[in-house]
Amino acid sequence: ELLGPLAAVALISQTHPTLPAPSV
């Protein structure tokens, strides 16, 4: 529950490396 959201953001950044980053 605590780390799931961080893992989701990390996976998105790894699978979409050219996607501009938002504020998180």
mmCIF file of all heavy atoms, coordinates in Angstrom:
data_MODEL
# 
_entry.id   MODEL 
# 
loop_
_atom_site.group_PDB 
_atom_site.id 
_atom_site.type_symbol 
_atom_site.label_atom_id 
_atom_site.label_alt_id 
_atom_site.label_comp_id 
_atom_site.label_asym_id 
_atom_site.label_entity_id 
_atom_site.label_seq_id 
_atom_site.pdbx_PDB_ins_code 
_atom_site.Cartn_x 
_atom_site.Cartn_y 
_atom_site.Cartn_z 
_atom_site.occupancy 
_atom_site.B_iso_or_equiv 
_atom_site.pdbx_formal_charge 
_atom_site.auth_seq_id 
_atom_site.auth_comp_id 
_atom_site.auth_asym_id 
_atom_site.auth_atom_id 
_atom_site.pdbx_PDB_model_num 
ATOM 1   N N   . GLU A 1 1  ? 0.823  -1.208 0.000   1.00 0.00 ? 1  GLU A N   1 
ATOM 2   C CA  . GLU A 1 1  ? 0.000  0.000  0.000   1.00 0.00 ? 1  GLU A CA  1 
ATOM 3   C C   . GLU A 1 1  ? 0.853  1.253  0.000   1.00 0.00 ? 1  GLU A C   1 
ATOM 4   O O   . GLU A 1 1  ? 0.535  2.236  -0.658  1.00 0.00 ? 1  GLU A O   1 
ATOM 5   C CB  . GLU A 1 1  ? -0.926 0.021  1.219   1.00 0.00 ? 1  GLU A CB  1 
ATOM 6   C CG  . GLU A 1 1  ? -2.045 -0.973 1.156   1.00 0.00 ? 1  GLU A CG  1 
ATOM 7   C CD  . GLU A 1 1  ? -2.811 -1.052 2.459   1.00 0.00 ? 1  GLU A CD  1 
ATOM 8   O OE1 . GLU A 1 1  ? -2.186 -0.948 3.540   1.00 0.00 ? 1  GLU A OE1 1 
ATOM 9   O OE2 . GLU A 1 1  ? -4.030 -1.220 2.392   1.00 0.00 ? 1  GLU A OE2 1 
ATOM 10  N N   . LEU A 1 2  ? 1.949  1.223  0.736   1.00 0.00 ? 2  LEU A N   1 
ATOM 11  C CA  . LEU A 1 2  ? 2.807  2.393  0.854   1.00 0.00 ? 2  LEU A CA  1 
ATOM 12  C C   . LEU A 1 2  ? 3.686  2.609  -0.374  1.00 0.00 ? 2  LEU A C   1 
ATOM 13  O O   . LEU A 1 2  ? 3.823  3.726  -0.861  1.00 0.00 ? 2  LEU A O   1 
ATOM 14  C CB  . LEU A 1 2  ? 3.682  2.268  2.100   1.00 0.00 ? 2  LEU A CB  1 
ATOM 15  C CG  . LEU A 1 2  ? 4.524  3.477  2.452   1.00 0.00 ? 2  LEU A CG  1 
ATOM 16  C CD1 . LEU A 1 2  ? 3.643  4.678  2.740   1.00 0.00 ? 2  LEU A CD1 1 
ATOM 17  C CD2 . LEU A 1 2  ? 5.391  3.167  3.660   1.00 0.00 ? 2  LEU A CD2 1 
ATOM 18  N N   . LEU A 1 3  ? 4.261  1.538  -0.904  1.00 0.00 ? 3  LEU A N   1 
ATOM 19  C CA  . LEU A 1 3  ? 5.217  1.668  -2.005  1.00 0.00 ? 3  LEU A CA  1 
ATOM 20  C C   . LEU A 1 3  ? 4.601  1.465  -3.382  1.00 0.00 ? 3  LEU A C   1 
ATOM 21  O O   . LEU A 1 3  ? 5.226  1.792  -4.389  1.00 0.00 ? 3  LEU A O   1 
ATOM 22  C CB  . LEU A 1 3  ? 6.380  0.701  -1.810  1.00 0.00 ? 3  LEU A CB  1 
ATOM 23  C CG  . LEU A 1 3  ? 7.218  0.945  -0.560  1.00 0.00 ? 3  LEU A CG  1 
ATOM 24  C CD1 . LEU A 1 3  ? 8.327  -0.089 -0.461  1.00 0.00 ? 3  LEU A CD1 1 
ATOM 25  C CD2 . LEU A 1 3  ? 7.782  2.351  -0.547  1.00 0.00 ? 3  LEU A CD2 1 
ATOM 26  N N   . GLY A 1 4  ? 3.384  0.927  -3.454  1.00 0.00 ? 4  GLY A N   1 
ATOM 27  C CA  . GLY A 1 4  ? 2.720  0.694  -4.739  1.00 0.00 ? 4  GLY A CA  1 
ATOM 28  C C   . GLY A 1 4  ? 2.656  1.934  -5.620  1.00 0.00 ? 4  GLY A C   1 
ATOM 29  O O   . GLY A 1 4  ? 3.014  1.873  -6.809  1.00 0.00 ? 4  GLY A O   1 
ATOM 30  N N   . PRO A 1 5  ? 2.226  3.079  -5.083  1.00 0.00 ? 5  PRO A N   1 
ATOM 31  C CA  . PRO A 1 5  ? 2.192  4.282  -5.914  1.00 0.00 ? 5  PRO A CA  1 
ATOM 32  C C   . PRO A 1 5  ? 3.570  4.708  -6.432  1.00 0.00 ? 5  PRO A C   1 
ATOM 33  O O   . PRO A 1 5  ? 3.710  5.135  -7.571  1.00 0.00 ? 5  PRO A O   1 
ATOM 34  C CB  . PRO A 1 5  ? 1.597  5.343  -4.987  1.00 0.00 ? 5  PRO A CB  1 
ATOM 35  C CG  . PRO A 1 5  ? 0.757  4.560  -4.035  1.00 0.00 ? 5  PRO A CG  1 
ATOM 36  C CD  . PRO A 1 5  ? 1.549  3.290  -3.811  1.00 0.00 ? 5  PRO A CD  1 
ATOM 37  N N   . LEU A 1 6  ? 4.593  4.564  -5.607  1.00 0.00 ? 6  LEU A N   1 
ATOM 38  C CA  . LEU A 1 6  ? 5.957  4.895  -6.059  1.00 0.00 ? 6  LEU A CA  1 
ATOM 39  C C   . LEU A 1 6  ? 6.396  3.941  -7.158  1.00 0.00 ? 6  LEU A C   1 
ATOM 40  O O   . LEU A 1 6  ? 7.017  4.357  -8.144  1.00 0.00 ? 6  LEU A O   1 
ATOM 41  C CB  . LEU A 1 6  ? 6.935  4.825  -4.886  1.00 0.00 ? 6  LEU A CB  1 
ATOM 42  C CG  . LEU A 1 6  ? 6.739  5.852  -3.785  1.00 0.00 ? 6  LEU A CG  1 
ATOM 43  C CD1 . LEU A 1 6  ? 7.663  5.551  -2.611  1.00 0.00 ? 6  LEU A CD1 1 
ATOM 44  C CD2 . LEU A 1 6  ? 6.975  7.245  -4.316  1.00 0.00 ? 6  LEU A CD2 1 
ATOM 45  N N   . ALA A 1 7  ? 6.068  2.665  -6.996  1.00 0.00 ? 7  ALA A N   1 
ATOM 46  C CA  . ALA A 1 7  ? 6.426  1.670  -8.014  1.00 0.00 ? 7  ALA A CA  1 
ATOM 47  C C   . ALA A 1 7  ? 5.704  1.964  -9.326  1.00 0.00 ? 7  ALA A C   1 
ATOM 48  O O   . ALA A 1 7  ? 6.289  1.831  -10.411 1.00 0.00 ? 7  ALA A O   1 
ATOM 49  C CB  . ALA A 1 7  ? 6.088  0.264  -7.523  1.00 0.00 ? 7  ALA A CB  1 
ATOM 50  N N   . ALA A 1 8  ? 4.441  2.375  -9.247  1.00 0.00 ? 8  ALA A N   1 
ATOM 51  C CA  . ALA A 1 8  ? 3.686  2.692  -10.465 1.00 0.00 ? 8  ALA A CA  1 
ATOM 52  C C   . ALA A 1 8  ? 4.353  3.827  -11.229 1.00 0.00 ? 8  ALA A C   1 
ATOM 53  O O   . ALA A 1 8  ? 4.538  3.745  -12.445 1.00 0.00 ? 8  ALA A O   1 
ATOM 54  C CB  . ALA A 1 8  ? 2.241  3.059  -10.115 1.00 0.00 ? 8  ALA A CB  1 
ATOM 55  N N   . VAL A 1 9  ? 4.737  4.889  -10.524 1.00 0.00 ? 9  VAL A N   1 
ATOM 56  C CA  . VAL A 1 9  ? 5.401  6.024  -11.175 1.00 0.00 ? 9  VAL A CA  1 
ATOM 57  C C   . VAL A 1 9  ? 6.747  5.589  -11.762 1.00 0.00 ? 9  VAL A C   1 
ATOM 58  O O   . VAL A 1 9  ? 7.101  5.974  -12.878 1.00 0.00 ? 9  VAL A O   1 
ATOM 59  C CB  . VAL A 1 9  ? 5.570  7.208  -10.194 1.00 0.00 ? 9  VAL A CB  1 
ATOM 60  C CG1 . VAL A 1 9  ? 6.413  8.306  -10.792 1.00 0.00 ? 9  VAL A CG1 1 
ATOM 61  C CG2 . VAL A 1 9  ? 4.203  7.753  -9.782  1.00 0.00 ? 9  VAL A CG2 1 
ATOM 62  N N   . ALA A 1 10 ? 7.483  4.771  -11.034 1.00 0.00 ? 10 ALA A N   1 
ATOM 63  C CA  . ALA A 1 10 ? 8.773  4.285  -11.536 1.00 0.00 ? 10 ALA A CA  1 
ATOM 64  C C   . ALA A 1 10 ? 8.592  3.427  -12.792 1.00 0.00 ? 10 ALA A C   1 
ATOM 65  O O   . ALA A 1 10 ? 9.352  3.570  -13.762 1.00 0.00 ? 10 ALA A O   1 
ATOM 66  C CB  . ALA A 1 10 ? 9.490  3.478  -10.446 1.00 0.00 ? 10 ALA A CB  1 
ATOM 67  N N   . LEU A 1 11 ? 7.578  2.560  -12.803 1.00 0.00 ? 11 LEU A N   1 
ATOM 68  C CA  . LEU A 1 11 ? 7.326  1.727  -13.985 1.00 0.00 ? 11 LEU A CA  1 
ATOM 69  C C   . LEU A 1 11 ? 6.917  2.568  -15.189 1.00 0.00 ? 11 LEU A C   1 
ATOM 70  O O   . LEU A 1 11 ? 7.368  2.320  -16.309 1.00 0.00 ? 11 LEU A O   1 
ATOM 71  C CB  . LEU A 1 11 ? 6.251  0.689  -13.685 1.00 0.00 ? 11 LEU A CB  1 
ATOM 72  C CG  . LEU A 1 11 ? 6.699  -0.492 -12.841 1.00 0.00 ? 11 LEU A CG  1 
ATOM 73  C CD1 . LEU A 1 11 ? 5.500  -1.326 -12.400 1.00 0.00 ? 11 LEU A CD1 1 
ATOM 74  C CD2 . LEU A 1 11 ? 7.696  -1.343 -13.611 1.00 0.00 ? 11 LEU A CD2 1 
ATOM 75  N N   . ILE A 1 12 ? 6.082  3.561  -14.961 1.00 0.00 ? 12 ILE A N   1 
ATOM 76  C CA  . ILE A 1 12 ? 5.687  4.446  -16.065 1.00 0.00 ? 12 ILE A CA  1 
ATOM 77  C C   . ILE A 1 12 ? 6.918  5.146  -16.627 1.00 0.00 ? 12 ILE A C   1 
ATOM 78  O O   . ILE A 1 12 ? 7.092  5.225  -17.845 1.00 0.00 ? 12 ILE A O   1 
ATOM 79  C CB  . ILE A 1 12 ? 4.619  5.466  -15.616 1.00 0.00 ? 12 ILE A CB  1 
ATOM 80  C CG1 . ILE A 1 12 ? 3.293  4.754  -15.323 1.00 0.00 ? 12 ILE A CG1 1 
ATOM 81  C CG2 . ILE A 1 12 ? 4.420  6.542  -16.688 1.00 0.00 ? 12 ILE A CG2 1 
ATOM 82  C CD1 . ILE A 1 12 ? 2.254  5.638  -14.640 1.00 0.00 ? 12 ILE A CD1 1 
ATOM 83  N N   . SER A 1 13 ? 7.789  5.628  -15.760 1.00 0.00 ? 13 SER A N   1 
ATOM 84  C CA  . SER A 1 13 ? 8.984  6.342  -16.241 1.00 0.00 ? 13 SER A CA  1 
ATOM 85  C C   . SER A 1 13 ? 9.922  5.420  -17.005 1.00 0.00 ? 13 SER A C   1 
ATOM 86  O O   . SER A 1 13 ? 10.585 5.849  -17.950 1.00 0.00 ? 13 SER A O   1 
ATOM 87  C CB  . SER A 1 13 ? 9.721  7.017  -15.088 1.00 0.00 ? 13 SER A CB  1 
ATOM 88  O OG  . SER A 1 13 ? 10.338 6.060  -14.261 1.00 0.00 ? 13 SER A OG  1 
ATOM 89  N N   . GLN A 1 14 ? 9.976  4.142  -16.628 1.00 0.00 ? 14 GLN A N   1 
ATOM 90  C CA  . GLN A 1 14 ? 10.841 3.190  -17.323 1.00 0.00 ? 14 GLN A CA  1 
ATOM 91  C C   . GLN A 1 14 ? 10.262 2.756  -18.675 1.00 0.00 ? 14 GLN A C   1 
ATOM 92  O O   . GLN A 1 14 ? 11.003 2.547  -19.627 1.00 0.00 ? 14 GLN A O   1 
ATOM 93  C CB  . GLN A 1 14 ? 11.080 1.951  -16.451 1.00 0.00 ? 14 GLN A CB  1 
ATOM 94  C CG  . GLN A 1 14 ? 11.935 2.231  -15.247 1.00 0.00 ? 14 GLN A CG  1 
ATOM 95  C CD  . GLN A 1 14 ? 13.311 2.725  -15.633 1.00 0.00 ? 14 GLN A CD  1 
ATOM 96  O OE1 . GLN A 1 14 ? 14.009 2.108  -16.421 1.00 0.00 ? 14 GLN A OE1 1 
ATOM 97  N NE2 . GLN A 1 14 ? 13.701 3.863  -15.094 1.00 0.00 ? 14 GLN A NE2 1 
ATOM 98  N N   . THR A 1 15 ? 8.942  2.616  -18.737 1.00 0.00 ? 15 THR A N   1 
ATOM 99  C CA  . THR A 1 15 ? 8.321  2.136  -19.975 1.00 0.00 ? 15 THR A CA  1 
ATOM 100 C C   . THR A 1 15 ? 7.979  3.267  -20.948 1.00 0.00 ? 15 THR A C   1 
ATOM 101 O O   . THR A 1 15 ? 7.687  2.999  -22.113 1.00 0.00 ? 15 THR A O   1 
ATOM 102 C CB  . THR A 1 15 ? 7.048  1.321  -19.673 1.00 0.00 ? 15 THR A CB  1 
ATOM 103 O OG1 . THR A 1 15 ? 6.143  2.111  -18.911 1.00 0.00 ? 15 THR A OG1 1 
ATOM 104 C CG2 . THR A 1 15 ? 7.388  0.054  -18.907 1.00 0.00 ? 15 THR A CG2 1 
ATOM 105 N N   . HIS A 1 16 ? 8.029  4.505  -20.492 1.00 0.00 ? 16 HIS A N   1 
ATOM 106 C CA  . HIS A 1 16 ? 7.744  5.679  -21.333 1.00 0.00 ? 16 HIS A CA  1 
ATOM 107 C C   . HIS A 1 16 ? 8.809  6.750  -21.062 1.00 0.00 ? 16 HIS A C   1 
ATOM 108 O O   . HIS A 1 16 ? 8.496  7.830  -20.571 1.00 0.00 ? 16 HIS A O   1 
ATOM 109 C CB  . HIS A 1 16 ? 6.345  6.232  -21.037 1.00 0.00 ? 16 HIS A CB  1 
ATOM 110 C CG  . HIS A 1 16 ? 5.261  5.251  -21.283 1.00 0.00 ? 16 HIS A CG  1 
ATOM 111 N ND1 . HIS A 1 16 ? 4.836  4.354  -20.330 1.00 0.00 ? 16 HIS A ND1 1 
ATOM 112 C CD2 . HIS A 1 16 ? 4.531  5.003  -22.389 1.00 0.00 ? 16 HIS A CD2 1 
ATOM 113 C CE1 . HIS A 1 16 ? 3.870  3.606  -20.831 1.00 0.00 ? 16 HIS A CE1 1 
ATOM 114 N NE2 . HIS A 1 16 ? 3.680  3.962  -22.077 1.00 0.00 ? 16 HIS A NE2 1 
ATOM 115 N N   . PRO A 1 17 ? 10.079 6.459  -21.373 1.00 0.00 ? 17 PRO A N   1 
ATOM 116 C CA  . PRO A 1 17 ? 11.175 7.355  -20.984 1.00 0.00 ? 17 PRO A CA  1 
ATOM 117 C C   . PRO A 1 17 ? 11.139 8.737  -21.625 1.00 0.00 ? 17 PRO A C   1 
ATOM 118 O O   . PRO A 1 17 ? 11.729 9.669  -21.085 1.00 0.00 ? 17 PRO A O   1 
ATOM 119 C CB  . PRO A 1 17 ? 12.433 6.583  -21.393 1.00 0.00 ? 17 PRO A CB  1 
ATOM 120 C CG  . PRO A 1 17 ? 11.975 5.648  -22.455 1.00 0.00 ? 17 PRO A CG  1 
ATOM 121 C CD  . PRO A 1 17 ? 10.559 5.293  -22.101 1.00 0.00 ? 17 PRO A CD  1 
ATOM 122 N N   . THR A 1 18 ? 10.457 8.909  -22.744 1.00 0.00 ? 18 THR A N   1 
ATOM 123 C CA  . THR A 1 18 ? 10.431 10.226 -23.393 1.00 0.00 ? 18 THR A CA  1 
ATOM 124 C C   . THR A 1 18 ? 9.205  11.043 -23.006 1.00 0.00 ? 18 THR A C   1 
ATOM 125 O O   . THR A 1 18 ? 9.074  12.193 -23.430 1.00 0.00 ? 18 THR A O   1 
ATOM 126 C CB  . THR A 1 18 ? 10.457 10.082 -24.926 1.00 0.00 ? 18 THR A CB  1 
ATOM 127 O OG1 . THR A 1 18 ? 9.280  9.372  -25.344 1.00 0.00 ? 18 THR A OG1 1 
ATOM 128 C CG2 . THR A 1 18 ? 11.706 9.350  -25.385 1.00 0.00 ? 18 THR A CG2 1 
ATOM 129 N N   . LEU A 1 19 ? 8.329  10.479 -22.195 1.00 0.00 ? 19 LEU A N   1 
ATOM 130 C CA  . LEU A 1 19 ? 7.121  11.185 -21.784 1.00 0.00 ? 19 LEU A CA  1 
ATOM 131 C C   . LEU A 1 19 ? 7.476  12.284 -20.795 1.00 0.00 ? 19 LEU A C   1 
ATOM 132 O O   . LEU A 1 19 ? 8.149  12.030 -19.799 1.00 0.00 ? 19 LEU A O   1 
ATOM 133 C CB  . LEU A 1 19 ? 6.150  10.197 -21.136 1.00 0.00 ? 19 LEU A CB  1 
ATOM 134 C CG  . LEU A 1 19 ? 4.764  10.703 -20.803 1.00 0.00 ? 19 LEU A CG  1 
ATOM 135 C CD1 . LEU A 1 19 ? 4.012  11.107 -22.068 1.00 0.00 ? 19 LEU A CD1 1 
ATOM 136 C CD2 . LEU A 1 19 ? 3.984  9.629  -20.064 1.00 0.00 ? 19 LEU A CD2 1 
ATOM 137 N N   . PRO A 1 20 ? 7.061  13.539 -21.062 1.00 0.00 ? 20 PRO A N   1 
ATOM 138 C CA  . PRO A 1 20 ? 7.349  14.623 -20.115 1.00 0.00 ? 20 PRO A CA  1 
ATOM 139 C C   . PRO A 1 20 ? 6.778  14.313 -18.729 1.00 0.00 ? 20 PRO A C   1 
ATOM 140 O O   . PRO A 1 20 ? 5.661  13.821 -18.599 1.00 0.00 ? 20 PRO A O   1 
ATOM 141 C CB  . PRO A 1 20 ? 6.650  15.828 -20.736 1.00 0.00 ? 20 PRO A CB  1 
ATOM 142 C CG  . PRO A 1 20 ? 6.618  15.520 -22.198 1.00 0.00 ? 20 PRO A CG  1 
ATOM 143 C CD  . PRO A 1 20 ? 6.393  14.028 -22.262 1.00 0.00 ? 20 PRO A CD  1 
ATOM 144 N N   . ALA A 1 21 ? 7.573  14.606 -17.721 1.00 0.00 ? 21 ALA A N   1 
ATOM 145 C CA  . ALA A 1 21 ? 7.186  14.293 -16.349 1.00 0.00 ? 21 ALA A CA  1 
ATOM 146 C C   . ALA A 1 21 ? 6.306  15.383 -15.756 1.00 0.00 ? 21 ALA A C   1 
ATOM 147 O O   . ALA A 1 21 ? 6.591  16.563 -15.888 1.00 0.00 ? 21 ALA A O   1 
ATOM 148 C CB  . ALA A 1 21 ? 8.433  14.128 -15.493 1.00 0.00 ? 21 ALA A CB  1 
ATOM 149 N N   . PRO A 1 22 ? 5.257  14.959 -15.077 1.00 0.00 ? 22 PRO A N   1 
ATOM 150 C CA  . PRO A 1 22 ? 4.410  15.907 -14.369 1.00 0.00 ? 22 PRO A CA  1 
ATOM 151 C C   . PRO A 1 22 ? 4.915  16.103 -12.943 1.00 0.00 ? 22 PRO A C   1 
ATOM 152 O O   . PRO A 1 22 ? 5.878  15.462 -12.524 1.00 0.00 ? 22 PRO A O   1 
ATOM 153 C CB  . PRO A 1 22 ? 3.062  15.183 -14.342 1.00 0.00 ? 22 PRO A CB  1 
ATOM 154 C CG  . PRO A 1 22 ? 3.466  13.748 -14.204 1.00 0.00 ? 22 PRO A CG  1 
ATOM 155 C CD  . PRO A 1 22 ? 4.735  13.611 -15.037 1.00 0.00 ? 22 PRO A CD  1 
ATOM 156 N N   . SER A 1 23 ? 4.244  16.979 -12.204 1.00 0.00 ? 23 SER A N   1 
ATOM 157 C CA  . SER A 1 23 ? 4.449  17.012 -10.757 1.00 0.00 ? 23 SER A CA  1 
ATOM 158 C C   . SER A 1 23 ? 3.772  15.763 -10.216 1.00 0.00 ? 23 SER A C   1 
ATOM 159 O O   . SER A 1 23 ? 2.705  15.381 -10.687 1.00 0.00 ? 23 SER A O   1 
ATOM 160 C CB  . SER A 1 23 ? 3.770  18.228 -10.134 1.00 0.00 ? 23 SER A CB  1 
ATOM 161 O OG  . SER A 1 23 ? 4.244  19.415 -10.659 1.00 0.00 ? 23 SER A OG  1 
ATOM 162 N N   . VAL A 1 24 ? 4.371  15.132 -9.241  1.00 0.00 ? 24 VAL A N   1 
ATOM 163 C CA  . VAL A 1 24 ? 3.832  13.892 -8.683  1.00 0.00 ? 24 VAL A CA  1 
ATOM 164 C C   . VAL A 1 24 ? 3.570  14.099 -7.198  1.00 0.00 ? 24 VAL A C   1 
ATOM 165 O O   . VAL A 1 24 ? 4.416  14.614 -6.475  1.00 0.00 ? 24 VAL A O   1 
ATOM 166 C CB  . VAL A 1 24 ? 4.823  12.719 -8.878  1.00 0.00 ? 24 VAL A CB  1 
ATOM 167 C CG1 . VAL A 1 24 ? 4.295  11.455 -8.224  1.00 0.00 ? 24 VAL A CG1 1 
ATOM 168 C CG2 . VAL A 1 24 ? 5.098  12.497 -10.354 1.00 0.00 ? 24 VAL A CG2 1 
# 
